[in-house]
Every structure is written in structure tokens, then in C-alpha cells.
Amino acid sequence: MHRRLFITSPLLLALPAGAHHGWSSFDQNRPIYLEGKVAQVAWRNPHVELTLELPVDGLTMPADLATRSLPAQSAPVDGPALLKAAQLPTRKDRRWEIELAPLSRVQAWGLPEIKAGDALAMLGFTFAGEKGQAILRVEYLFAAGKAYGMRSSPA
């Protein structure tokens, strides 16, 4: 009789695992508005991820947010209703982990590669009750005066 012994190295257990959350993980009834500067970016799949540093003096809702022009997406998204319902987060984290779309979709939108230091604004969703980590799944990204849809491909 042969016995096999499997040894798991503590080093292997400590390797970071990339977070990937489907849309159903997020509270899609409460769109959150964030803006700030990119601290770190991972331009890769399964989706583009970045760390956003919010302003030291706090967030304010832009006066023109509800009237911004949005691009058509292939998914049925009521963008104007989301803009009108937008709220600032209640949590006070200065750094948020941001999940964009898969790299191929980001490229289909023609979004230039995001770099550390870039100023961005976005509308998206976090976990119900803002529980857990400060993570935002982006529905619309506002960069360099242009809006990009992240849920689906351009229509």
C-alpha cells in the first residue's frame, strides 16, 4: 500500500489572489460616485484593476453629473437613471479598489491606458450596506472629458 503525503508550503498559501467579482455581488440599486487620482493600476485580465486615492478634502457630487452624456452599451443599462440616483459613499476610506471591465472590453471602448497619477471619476456599485472592503465595480468611467461604459461593449 502506497501512501502519498502532500505538503503545503506556507509560502504558497500567502500568494495574493486577484479579486474578481461578478455584477451580482454588488448592490446595483445604489450607484456610488467616486473621483480621485490613480495610485496603482493593473492593466490586465480578468479585468483592469486600480487603486483610487480620493481627495484629502473629501468628495463632492458634481453639479452636472445627472446631465452628463453617456455612451450606448450593448447591455440594457439606464445610464441617465443611474446618474440621477448617484450618491457619495458613506464610508470614509481614502483608498478604493476599483474594478473595470475585462481588458478586451476596455480596449474596445478605446480607453487610453490608465497610469498612476491620472485623474478619474466613476459611477459604480459597492457591496450592500458598504460592508467589507472598499471596492467599486464601475458602470461608467469618466476620463479626460469622455465617458466609457464598462458593463458591456459599445453599442
N, C-alpha and C. Protein backbone atom coordinates (compact mmCIF):
# COMPACT_ATOMS: atom_id res chain seq x y z
N MET A 1 0.84 -1.16 0.00
CA MET A 1 0.00 0.00 0.00
C MET A 1 0.90 1.24 0.00
N HIS A 2 0.61 2.14 -0.93
CA HIS A 2 1.40 3.37 -1.04
C HIS A 2 0.65 4.52 -0.40
N ARG A 3 1.37 5.29 0.33
CA ARG A 3 0.78 6.47 0.93
C ARG A 3 1.45 7.69 0.32
N ARG A 4 0.63 8.66 0.03
CA ARG A 4 1.17 9.90 -0.52
C ARG A 4 0.97 11.01 0.50
N LEU A 5 2.00 11.73 0.67
CA LEU A 5 1.98 12.83 1.61
C LEU A 5 2.06 14.14 0.83
N PHE A 6 1.08 15.00 1.01
CA PHE A 6 1.09 16.30 0.35
C PHE A 6 1.42 17.35 1.38
N ILE A 7 2.43 18.10 1.07
CA ILE A 7 2.85 19.16 1.98
C ILE A 7 2.54 20.49 1.31
N THR A 8 1.86 21.33 2.03
CA THR A 8 1.54 22.65 1.51
C THR A 8 2.47 23.66 2.15
N SER A 9 3.16 24.35 1.33
CA SER A 9 4.10 25.37 1.80
C SER A 9 3.33 26.59 2.29
N PRO A 10 3.69 27.16 3.44
CA PRO A 10 3.07 28.40 3.88
C PRO A 10 3.25 29.52 2.86
N LEU A 11 4.35 29.46 2.11
CA LEU A 11 4.59 30.47 1.09
C LEU A 11 3.50 30.42 0.02
N LEU A 12 3.10 29.23 -0.38
CA LEU A 12 2.05 29.11 -1.39
C LEU A 12 0.72 29.65 -0.88
N LEU A 13 0.45 29.44 0.37
CA LEU A 13 -0.80 29.94 0.94
C LEU A 13 -0.82 31.46 1.04
N ALA A 14 0.36 32.08 1.05
CA ALA A 14 0.44 33.52 1.21
C ALA A 14 0.40 34.29 -0.10
N LEU A 15 0.38 33.58 -1.23
CA LEU A 15 0.35 34.27 -2.50
C LEU A 15 -0.95 35.05 -2.66
N PRO A 16 -0.88 36.28 -3.19
CA PRO A 16 -2.10 37.06 -3.35
C PRO A 16 -2.99 36.48 -4.44
N ALA A 17 -4.27 36.53 -4.19
CA ALA A 17 -5.24 36.09 -5.19
C ALA A 17 -5.97 37.32 -5.69
N GLY A 18 -6.08 37.44 -6.98
CA GLY A 18 -6.77 38.59 -7.56
C GLY A 18 -8.26 38.51 -7.26
N ALA A 19 -8.82 39.64 -6.88
CA ALA A 19 -10.25 39.67 -6.61
C ALA A 19 -11.00 39.81 -7.93
N HIS A 20 -12.03 39.02 -8.09
CA HIS A 20 -12.87 39.15 -9.27
C HIS A 20 -14.30 38.93 -8.80
N HIS A 21 -15.10 39.92 -9.01
CA HIS A 21 -16.48 39.86 -8.54
C HIS A 21 -17.42 40.06 -9.72
N GLY A 22 -18.43 39.21 -9.84
CA GLY A 22 -19.45 39.40 -10.87
C GLY A 22 -20.40 40.53 -10.46
N TRP A 23 -21.20 40.98 -11.38
CA TRP A 23 -22.12 42.09 -11.10
C TRP A 23 -23.08 41.75 -9.97
N SER A 24 -23.46 40.48 -9.82
CA SER A 24 -24.45 40.11 -8.80
C SER A 24 -23.92 40.30 -7.38
N SER A 25 -22.61 40.44 -7.20
CA SER A 25 -22.04 40.65 -5.87
C SER A 25 -22.28 42.06 -5.35
N PHE A 26 -22.72 42.96 -6.20
CA PHE A 26 -22.81 44.38 -5.85
C PHE A 26 -24.25 44.86 -5.74
N ASP A 27 -24.47 45.88 -4.92
CA ASP A 27 -25.78 46.49 -4.73
C ASP A 27 -26.04 47.45 -5.89
N GLN A 28 -26.76 46.96 -6.89
CA GLN A 28 -27.00 47.74 -8.10
C GLN A 28 -28.16 48.71 -7.96
N ASN A 29 -28.73 48.81 -6.77
CA ASN A 29 -29.80 49.78 -6.50
C ASN A 29 -29.26 51.07 -5.91
N ARG A 30 -27.96 51.12 -5.69
CA ARG A 30 -27.36 52.30 -5.06
C ARG A 30 -26.06 52.67 -5.78
N PRO A 31 -26.17 53.44 -6.88
CA PRO A 31 -24.95 53.83 -7.59
C PRO A 31 -24.12 54.82 -6.77
N ILE A 32 -22.82 54.58 -6.74
CA ILE A 32 -21.88 55.39 -5.95
C ILE A 32 -20.98 56.17 -6.90
N TYR A 33 -20.75 57.44 -6.57
CA TYR A 33 -19.85 58.29 -7.36
C TYR A 33 -18.54 58.44 -6.60
N LEU A 34 -17.43 58.23 -7.32
CA LEU A 34 -16.09 58.43 -6.78
C LEU A 34 -15.26 59.23 -7.77
N GLU A 35 -14.31 59.97 -7.26
CA GLU A 35 -13.31 60.61 -8.12
C GLU A 35 -12.02 60.73 -7.33
N GLY A 36 -10.93 60.79 -8.06
CA GLY A 36 -9.63 60.92 -7.40
C GLY A 36 -8.51 60.65 -8.38
N LYS A 37 -7.35 60.34 -7.81
CA LYS A 37 -6.15 60.06 -8.62
C LYS A 37 -5.78 58.59 -8.49
N VAL A 38 -5.33 58.03 -9.57
CA VAL A 38 -4.92 56.64 -9.60
C VAL A 38 -3.59 56.49 -8.85
N ALA A 39 -3.59 55.59 -7.85
CA ALA A 39 -2.37 55.30 -7.09
C ALA A 39 -1.62 54.12 -7.71
N GLN A 40 -2.36 53.10 -8.14
CA GLN A 40 -1.78 51.91 -8.75
C GLN A 40 -2.74 51.42 -9.81
N VAL A 41 -2.19 50.73 -10.81
CA VAL A 41 -3.05 50.16 -11.86
C VAL A 41 -2.49 48.82 -12.32
N ALA A 42 -3.41 47.89 -12.59
CA ALA A 42 -3.06 46.59 -13.17
C ALA A 42 -3.86 46.48 -14.47
N TRP A 43 -3.20 46.73 -15.57
CA TRP A 43 -3.81 46.76 -16.90
C TRP A 43 -3.76 45.33 -17.44
N ARG A 44 -4.71 44.47 -17.02
CA ARG A 44 -4.68 43.04 -17.34
C ARG A 44 -6.07 42.43 -17.18
N ASN A 45 -6.16 41.15 -17.51
CA ASN A 45 -7.38 40.38 -17.28
C ASN A 45 -7.26 39.65 -15.96
N PRO A 46 -8.32 39.26 -15.25
CA PRO A 46 -9.67 39.15 -15.78
C PRO A 46 -10.37 40.49 -15.97
N HIS A 47 -9.89 41.53 -15.31
CA HIS A 47 -10.39 42.88 -15.59
C HIS A 47 -9.33 43.87 -15.13
N VAL A 48 -9.40 45.06 -15.68
CA VAL A 48 -8.46 46.10 -15.29
C VAL A 48 -8.80 46.52 -13.86
N GLU A 49 -7.79 46.60 -13.02
CA GLU A 49 -7.97 46.98 -11.63
C GLU A 49 -7.09 48.17 -11.32
N LEU A 50 -7.58 49.01 -10.43
CA LEU A 50 -6.75 50.13 -9.99
C LEU A 50 -7.10 50.49 -8.56
N THR A 51 -6.19 51.23 -7.95
CA THR A 51 -6.43 51.78 -6.62
C THR A 51 -6.61 53.26 -6.82
N LEU A 52 -7.73 53.78 -6.32
CA LEU A 52 -8.06 55.20 -6.45
C LEU A 52 -7.88 55.88 -5.11
N GLU A 53 -7.14 56.97 -5.11
CA GLU A 53 -6.92 57.80 -3.92
C GLU A 53 -7.90 58.97 -4.01
N LEU A 54 -8.83 59.04 -3.06
CA LEU A 54 -9.82 60.11 -3.05
C LEU A 54 -9.20 61.41 -2.54
N PRO A 55 -9.80 62.55 -2.86
CA PRO A 55 -9.24 63.84 -2.43
C PRO A 55 -9.18 63.95 -0.90
N VAL A 56 -8.15 64.62 -0.41
CA VAL A 56 -7.96 64.81 1.03
C VAL A 56 -9.14 65.59 1.63
N ASP A 57 -9.63 66.58 0.89
CA ASP A 57 -10.70 67.42 1.41
C ASP A 57 -12.09 66.82 1.20
N GLY A 58 -12.18 65.57 0.77
CA GLY A 58 -13.45 64.88 0.64
C GLY A 58 -14.06 64.99 -0.75
N LEU A 59 -15.07 64.18 -0.97
CA LEU A 59 -15.77 64.14 -2.25
C LEU A 59 -16.94 65.12 -2.26
N THR A 60 -17.24 65.63 -3.42
CA THR A 60 -18.47 66.38 -3.64
C THR A 60 -19.09 65.86 -4.93
N MET A 61 -20.41 65.90 -4.98
CA MET A 61 -21.12 65.46 -6.17
C MET A 61 -21.06 66.57 -7.22
N PRO A 62 -20.60 66.26 -8.43
CA PRO A 62 -20.55 67.30 -9.46
C PRO A 62 -21.96 67.78 -9.83
N ALA A 63 -22.11 69.07 -10.00
CA ALA A 63 -23.42 69.65 -10.32
C ALA A 63 -23.96 69.13 -11.64
N ASP A 64 -23.09 68.78 -12.58
CA ASP A 64 -23.54 68.35 -13.90
C ASP A 64 -23.69 66.83 -14.04
N LEU A 65 -23.48 66.08 -12.98
CA LEU A 65 -23.46 64.62 -13.10
C LEU A 65 -24.74 64.07 -13.72
N ALA A 66 -25.90 64.50 -13.26
CA ALA A 66 -27.18 63.95 -13.73
C ALA A 66 -27.44 64.25 -15.20
N THR A 67 -26.73 65.21 -15.78
CA THR A 67 -26.98 65.59 -17.17
C THR A 67 -25.84 65.19 -18.11
N ARG A 68 -24.88 64.46 -17.62
CA ARG A 68 -23.75 64.06 -18.47
C ARG A 68 -24.21 63.12 -19.59
N SER A 69 -23.57 63.27 -20.72
CA SER A 69 -23.83 62.40 -21.87
C SER A 69 -23.12 61.07 -21.64
N LEU A 70 -23.85 59.99 -21.93
CA LEU A 70 -23.29 58.65 -21.73
C LEU A 70 -23.31 57.88 -23.04
N PRO A 71 -22.33 57.03 -23.25
CA PRO A 71 -22.30 56.22 -24.48
C PRO A 71 -23.29 55.07 -24.39
N ALA A 72 -23.76 54.63 -25.55
CA ALA A 72 -24.65 53.47 -25.60
C ALA A 72 -23.83 52.20 -25.42
N GLN A 73 -24.36 51.29 -24.61
CA GLN A 73 -23.72 50.00 -24.41
C GLN A 73 -24.60 48.92 -25.04
N SER A 74 -24.02 47.78 -25.30
CA SER A 74 -24.81 46.68 -25.86
C SER A 74 -25.74 46.07 -24.80
N ALA A 75 -25.43 46.24 -23.52
CA ALA A 75 -26.31 45.79 -22.44
C ALA A 75 -27.36 46.87 -22.17
N PRO A 76 -28.56 46.46 -21.78
CA PRO A 76 -29.61 47.45 -21.47
C PRO A 76 -29.36 48.12 -20.11
N VAL A 77 -28.68 49.24 -20.13
CA VAL A 77 -28.36 49.98 -18.91
C VAL A 77 -29.04 51.34 -19.00
N ASP A 78 -29.81 51.70 -17.95
CA ASP A 78 -30.46 53.02 -17.92
C ASP A 78 -29.49 54.00 -17.27
N GLY A 79 -28.53 54.45 -18.05
CA GLY A 79 -27.50 55.35 -17.56
C GLY A 79 -28.02 56.63 -16.96
N PRO A 80 -28.95 57.34 -17.63
CA PRO A 80 -29.46 58.58 -17.05
C PRO A 80 -30.10 58.38 -15.67
N ALA A 81 -30.81 57.27 -15.48
CA ALA A 81 -31.41 56.99 -14.17
C ALA A 81 -30.33 56.74 -13.12
N LEU A 82 -29.26 56.06 -13.51
CA LEU A 82 -28.15 55.82 -12.58
C LEU A 82 -27.49 57.13 -12.18
N LEU A 83 -27.27 58.02 -13.16
CA LEU A 83 -26.66 59.31 -12.84
C LEU A 83 -27.52 60.11 -11.87
N LYS A 84 -28.83 60.09 -12.06
CA LYS A 84 -29.74 60.84 -11.18
C LYS A 84 -29.79 60.24 -9.78
N ALA A 85 -29.59 58.94 -9.67
CA ALA A 85 -29.64 58.26 -8.37
C ALA A 85 -28.29 58.22 -7.66
N ALA A 86 -27.26 58.74 -8.28
CA ALA A 86 -25.90 58.64 -7.73
C ALA A 86 -25.80 59.25 -6.34
N GLN A 87 -24.99 58.59 -5.51
CA GLN A 87 -24.74 59.02 -4.14
C GLN A 87 -23.24 58.97 -3.87
N LEU A 88 -22.84 59.71 -2.89
CA LEU A 88 -21.46 59.60 -2.40
C LEU A 88 -21.42 58.44 -1.41
N PRO A 89 -20.28 57.78 -1.27
CA PRO A 89 -20.21 56.69 -0.29
C PRO A 89 -20.35 57.23 1.13
N THR A 90 -20.87 56.39 2.00
CA THR A 90 -20.95 56.78 3.41
C THR A 90 -19.67 56.42 4.15
N ARG A 91 -18.96 55.41 3.67
CA ARG A 91 -17.71 55.03 4.32
C ARG A 91 -16.65 56.10 4.03
N LYS A 92 -15.68 56.20 4.88
CA LYS A 92 -14.69 57.28 4.82
C LYS A 92 -13.33 56.85 4.30
N ASP A 93 -13.24 55.70 3.66
CA ASP A 93 -11.97 55.24 3.13
C ASP A 93 -11.42 56.25 2.12
N ARG A 94 -10.13 56.50 2.18
CA ARG A 94 -9.48 57.39 1.20
C ARG A 94 -9.00 56.61 -0.01
N ARG A 95 -8.83 55.29 0.13
CA ARG A 95 -8.38 54.45 -0.98
C ARG A 95 -9.44 53.41 -1.28
N TRP A 96 -9.76 53.30 -2.55
CA TRP A 96 -10.74 52.32 -3.02
C TRP A 96 -10.10 51.44 -4.08
N GLU A 97 -10.44 50.16 -4.03
CA GLU A 97 -10.06 49.23 -5.09
C GLU A 97 -11.15 49.31 -6.15
N ILE A 98 -10.73 49.53 -7.38
CA ILE A 98 -11.66 49.76 -8.48
C ILE A 98 -11.55 48.61 -9.48
N GLU A 99 -12.70 48.07 -9.88
CA GLU A 99 -12.76 47.01 -10.89
C GLU A 99 -13.42 47.58 -12.14
N LEU A 100 -12.68 47.58 -13.23
CA LEU A 100 -13.22 47.99 -14.51
C LEU A 100 -13.67 46.74 -15.26
N ALA A 101 -13.73 46.82 -16.56
CA ALA A 101 -14.14 45.70 -17.40
C ALA A 101 -12.93 44.84 -17.77
N PRO A 102 -13.17 43.70 -18.43
CA PRO A 102 -12.04 42.93 -18.96
C PRO A 102 -11.23 43.80 -19.93
N LEU A 103 -9.95 43.50 -20.02
CA LEU A 103 -9.05 44.29 -20.84
C LEU A 103 -9.54 44.42 -22.28
N SER A 104 -10.05 43.34 -22.87
CA SER A 104 -10.52 43.40 -24.26
C SER A 104 -11.67 44.38 -24.42
N ARG A 105 -12.56 44.46 -23.43
CA ARG A 105 -13.69 45.39 -23.50
C ARG A 105 -13.21 46.83 -23.30
N VAL A 106 -12.30 47.03 -22.37
CA VAL A 106 -11.73 48.37 -22.15
C VAL A 106 -11.08 48.87 -23.44
N GLN A 107 -10.38 47.98 -24.12
CA GLN A 107 -9.74 48.34 -25.39
C GLN A 107 -10.78 48.59 -26.48
N ALA A 108 -11.88 47.83 -26.48
CA ALA A 108 -12.95 48.04 -27.48
C ALA A 108 -13.55 49.44 -27.34
N TRP A 109 -13.59 49.95 -26.12
CA TRP A 109 -14.09 51.31 -25.89
C TRP A 109 -13.08 52.37 -26.33
N GLY A 110 -11.85 51.96 -26.56
CA GLY A 110 -10.82 52.92 -26.95
C GLY A 110 -10.27 53.72 -25.79
N LEU A 111 -10.42 53.19 -24.58
CA LEU A 111 -9.89 53.88 -23.40
C LEU A 111 -8.37 53.84 -23.43
N PRO A 112 -7.73 55.01 -23.39
CA PRO A 112 -6.26 55.00 -23.33
C PRO A 112 -5.80 54.33 -22.03
N GLU A 113 -4.62 53.74 -22.06
CA GLU A 113 -4.11 53.06 -20.88
C GLU A 113 -4.03 54.03 -19.70
N ILE A 114 -4.59 53.61 -18.59
CA ILE A 114 -4.60 54.42 -17.37
C ILE A 114 -3.25 54.26 -16.68
N LYS A 115 -2.75 55.35 -16.16
CA LYS A 115 -1.45 55.33 -15.48
C LYS A 115 -1.58 55.94 -14.08
N ALA A 116 -0.67 55.59 -13.20
CA ALA A 116 -0.63 56.18 -11.86
C ALA A 116 -0.55 57.70 -11.99
N GLY A 117 -1.34 58.40 -11.20
CA GLY A 117 -1.39 59.86 -11.24
C GLY A 117 -2.53 60.42 -12.06
N ASP A 118 -3.15 59.59 -12.92
CA ASP A 118 -4.27 60.06 -13.73
C ASP A 118 -5.46 60.40 -12.84
N ALA A 119 -6.17 61.47 -13.20
CA ALA A 119 -7.40 61.86 -12.50
C ALA A 119 -8.57 61.17 -13.19
N LEU A 120 -9.41 60.49 -12.40
CA LEU A 120 -10.56 59.77 -12.92
C LEU A 120 -11.78 60.03 -12.04
N ALA A 121 -12.94 59.89 -12.65
CA ALA A 121 -14.20 59.88 -11.91
C ALA A 121 -14.98 58.66 -12.41
N MET A 122 -15.87 58.16 -11.58
CA MET A 122 -16.60 56.96 -11.96
C MET A 122 -17.90 56.82 -11.20
N LEU A 123 -18.80 56.07 -11.79
CA LEU A 123 -20.06 55.72 -11.16
C LEU A 123 -20.14 54.20 -11.18
N GLY A 124 -20.42 53.61 -10.04
CA GLY A 124 -20.47 52.17 -9.98
C GLY A 124 -21.16 51.68 -8.73
N PHE A 125 -20.85 50.47 -8.36
CA PHE A 125 -21.54 49.81 -7.25
C PHE A 125 -20.55 49.16 -6.30
N THR A 126 -20.92 49.20 -5.03
CA THR A 126 -20.14 48.52 -3.99
C THR A 126 -21.05 47.49 -3.34
N PHE A 127 -20.56 46.82 -2.33
CA PHE A 127 -21.33 45.79 -1.66
C PHE A 127 -22.48 46.40 -0.86
N ALA A 128 -23.55 45.66 -0.68
CA ALA A 128 -24.72 46.12 0.07
C ALA A 128 -24.31 46.64 1.43
N GLY A 129 -24.82 47.80 1.80
CA GLY A 129 -24.50 48.41 3.08
C GLY A 129 -23.07 48.89 3.18
N GLU A 130 -22.36 48.89 2.05
CA GLU A 130 -20.94 49.27 2.01
C GLU A 130 -20.12 48.42 2.96
N LYS A 131 -20.52 47.17 3.12
CA LYS A 131 -19.82 46.22 4.00
C LYS A 131 -18.57 45.69 3.32
N GLY A 132 -17.62 45.24 4.13
CA GLY A 132 -16.41 44.62 3.59
C GLY A 132 -15.43 45.66 3.08
N GLN A 133 -14.68 45.27 2.08
CA GLN A 133 -13.64 46.13 1.53
C GLN A 133 -14.24 47.30 0.75
N ALA A 134 -13.44 48.34 0.60
CA ALA A 134 -13.83 49.50 -0.21
C ALA A 134 -13.53 49.16 -1.67
N ILE A 135 -14.49 48.49 -2.31
CA ILE A 135 -14.36 48.06 -3.70
C ILE A 135 -15.52 48.66 -4.48
N LEU A 136 -15.22 49.17 -5.66
CA LEU A 136 -16.25 49.70 -6.55
C LEU A 136 -16.15 49.01 -7.89
N ARG A 137 -17.26 48.44 -8.35
CA ARG A 137 -17.35 47.86 -9.69
C ARG A 137 -17.92 48.96 -10.58
N VAL A 138 -17.17 49.39 -11.57
CA VAL A 138 -17.50 50.59 -12.34
C VAL A 138 -18.50 50.29 -13.45
N GLU A 139 -19.53 51.10 -13.51
CA GLU A 139 -20.51 51.08 -14.60
C GLU A 139 -20.10 52.08 -15.68
N TYR A 140 -19.79 53.31 -15.25
CA TYR A 140 -19.32 54.36 -16.17
C TYR A 140 -18.04 54.97 -15.63
N LEU A 141 -17.06 55.10 -16.51
CA LEU A 141 -15.79 55.72 -16.17
C LEU A 141 -15.71 57.05 -16.92
N PHE A 142 -15.31 58.10 -16.21
CA PHE A 142 -15.13 59.42 -16.80
C PHE A 142 -13.64 59.75 -16.77
N ALA A 143 -13.05 59.86 -17.97
CA ALA A 143 -11.61 60.10 -18.07
C ALA A 143 -11.36 61.09 -19.20
N ALA A 144 -10.59 62.13 -18.91
CA ALA A 144 -10.19 63.13 -19.91
C ALA A 144 -11.39 63.66 -20.69
N GLY A 145 -12.48 63.97 -19.98
CA GLY A 145 -13.65 64.57 -20.60
C GLY A 145 -14.53 63.62 -21.39
N LYS A 146 -14.31 62.33 -21.29
CA LYS A 146 -15.09 61.35 -22.05
C LYS A 146 -15.64 60.28 -21.09
N ALA A 147 -16.83 59.76 -21.43
CA ALA A 147 -17.44 58.69 -20.64
C ALA A 147 -17.30 57.35 -21.36
N TYR A 148 -17.03 56.30 -20.58
CA TYR A 148 -16.88 54.95 -21.11
C TYR A 148 -17.78 54.02 -20.33
N GLY A 149 -18.51 53.16 -21.03
CA GLY A 149 -19.33 52.14 -20.38
C GLY A 149 -18.48 50.93 -20.07
N MET A 150 -18.72 50.30 -18.93
CA MET A 150 -17.90 49.16 -18.54
C MET A 150 -18.67 47.86 -18.43
N ARG A 151 -20.01 47.91 -18.45
CA ARG A 151 -20.78 46.68 -18.29
C ARG A 151 -20.73 45.81 -19.54
N SER A 152 -20.71 46.46 -20.68
CA SER A 152 -20.74 45.70 -21.93
C SER A 152 -19.98 46.45 -23.01
N SER A 153 -19.98 45.91 -24.19
CA SER A 153 -19.28 46.51 -25.32
C SER A 153 -20.02 47.73 -25.83
N PRO A 154 -19.34 48.57 -26.60
CA PRO A 154 -20.04 49.71 -27.21
C PRO A 154 -21.15 49.23 -28.12
N ALA A 155 -22.26 49.96 -28.12
CA ALA A 155 -23.41 49.58 -28.98
C ALA A 155 -23.18 50.08 -30.39
